[in-house]
Protein backbone atom coordinates (compact mmCIF):
# COMPACT_ATOMS: atom_id res chain seq x y z
CA MET A 1 78.05 105.70 122.92
CA LYS A 2 75.70 104.64 120.13
CA MET A 3 77.00 102.03 117.68
CA LYS A 4 76.76 102.86 114.01
CA GLU A 5 74.34 100.67 112.06
CA LEU A 6 76.16 98.23 109.80
CA LYS A 7 74.86 97.77 106.26
CA TRP A 8 75.58 95.25 103.52
CA THR A 9 76.65 96.69 100.17
CA THR A 10 77.46 95.33 96.74
CA GLU A 11 80.45 97.69 96.41
CA ARG A 12 83.86 96.33 97.39
CA PRO A 13 85.62 98.60 99.91
CA ASP A 14 88.61 100.53 98.55
CA PHE A 15 90.18 101.37 101.91
CA ALA A 16 91.84 99.52 104.80
CA CYS A 17 89.20 97.70 106.81
CA VAL A 18 87.97 94.44 108.32
CA PHE A 19 84.94 93.10 106.48
CA VAL A 20 82.67 90.11 105.92
CA THR A 21 81.79 88.84 102.46
CA LYS A 22 78.71 86.98 101.35
CA HIS A 23 78.68 84.58 98.41
CA GLY A 24 75.45 82.59 98.26
CA THR A 25 75.14 81.05 101.72
CA GLU A 26 78.86 81.35 102.52
CA TYR A 27 80.32 84.09 104.71
CA ASP A 28 84.03 84.86 105.19
CA LEU A 29 86.04 87.35 107.25
CA TRP A 30 88.75 89.38 105.45
CA GLN A 31 90.81 92.52 105.76
CA PHE A 32 92.42 95.07 103.51
CA TYR A 33 95.45 96.65 105.21
CA TRP A 34 98.47 98.77 104.28
CA ARG A 35 101.57 96.63 103.85
CA GLU A 36 105.10 97.89 103.27
CA ASP A 37 106.55 96.97 99.87
CA LYS A 38 109.84 95.31 100.85
CA SER A 39 111.11 95.35 97.25
CA THR A 40 111.71 99.11 97.45
CA ALA A 41 113.32 99.09 100.91
CA GLU A 42 116.81 98.39 99.55
CA ILE A 43 116.81 101.69 97.62
CA GLY A 44 115.68 103.58 100.71
CA ALA A 45 112.10 104.07 99.55
CA CYS A 46 109.14 103.38 101.78
CA ASN A 47 106.18 102.39 99.63
CA TYR A 48 102.95 100.71 100.67
CA TYR A 49 100.23 98.77 98.94
CA LEU A 50 96.76 97.76 100.04
CA ALA A 51 96.96 94.02 100.76
CA TRP A 52 94.08 91.54 100.95
CA ALA A 53 94.32 88.99 103.78
CA ASP A 54 92.10 86.35 105.34
CA ASN A 55 91.22 86.15 109.04
CA TYR A 56 94.56 84.34 109.66
CA CYS A 57 96.46 87.32 108.14
CA ASP A 58 97.59 85.23 105.17
CA GLU A 59 97.83 87.45 102.10
CA TRP A 60 95.55 86.56 99.18
CA ASP A 61 95.34 87.71 95.57
CA GLU A 62 95.08 91.20 94.13
CA ILE A 63 92.29 93.32 95.60
CA GLU A 64 90.67 93.48 92.16
CA ASP A 65 90.07 89.71 92.49
CA CYS A 66 88.08 90.20 95.70
CA ASP A 67 84.74 89.76 93.97
CA PHE A 68 81.76 88.78 96.13
CA GLU A 69 78.02 89.40 96.10
CA GLU A 70 77.99 91.59 99.21
CA TYR A 71 80.35 93.21 101.70
CA LEU A 72 79.84 94.31 105.31
CA VAL A 73 82.54 96.61 106.77
CA LEU A 74 83.02 95.88 110.48
CA GLU A 75 85.99 98.14 111.25
CA ILE A 76 87.94 100.83 109.43
CA LEU A 77 91.70 100.37 109.83
CA PRO A 78 94.44 103.07 109.82
CA THR A 79 95.09 104.98 106.60
CA MET A 80 98.36 104.68 104.68
CA GLU A 81 99.50 108.01 106.14
CA GLU A 82 98.80 106.83 109.70
CA VAL A 83 100.65 103.54 109.14
CA HIS A 84 103.64 105.35 107.59
CA LYS A 85 103.82 107.90 110.41
CA ASP A 86 103.63 105.16 113.04
CA ARG A 87 106.42 103.15 111.36
CA THR A 88 108.73 106.13 110.77
CA ASP A 89 108.21 107.38 114.35
CA LYS A 90 109.46 103.99 115.60
CA ARG A 91 112.69 104.14 113.53
């Protein structure tokens, strides 16, 4: 199987993924992933939001604040629909 060529871009990803950022000479590993909004669980709703986390899975600021010079997507993570289906199938 041939590996897809990875490319740096100046556009921030808008989907769930694992990615590296570049800011000057600094590089960091991050992820955007679908997280269940616990505040709506008590009314029986199951809502999700795209969360921004570091490589230790600690949640950071709003995705709009993820502002770096360049981004390199390493892996695309499950979509919101896939995460929801997986969680509801387990209930």
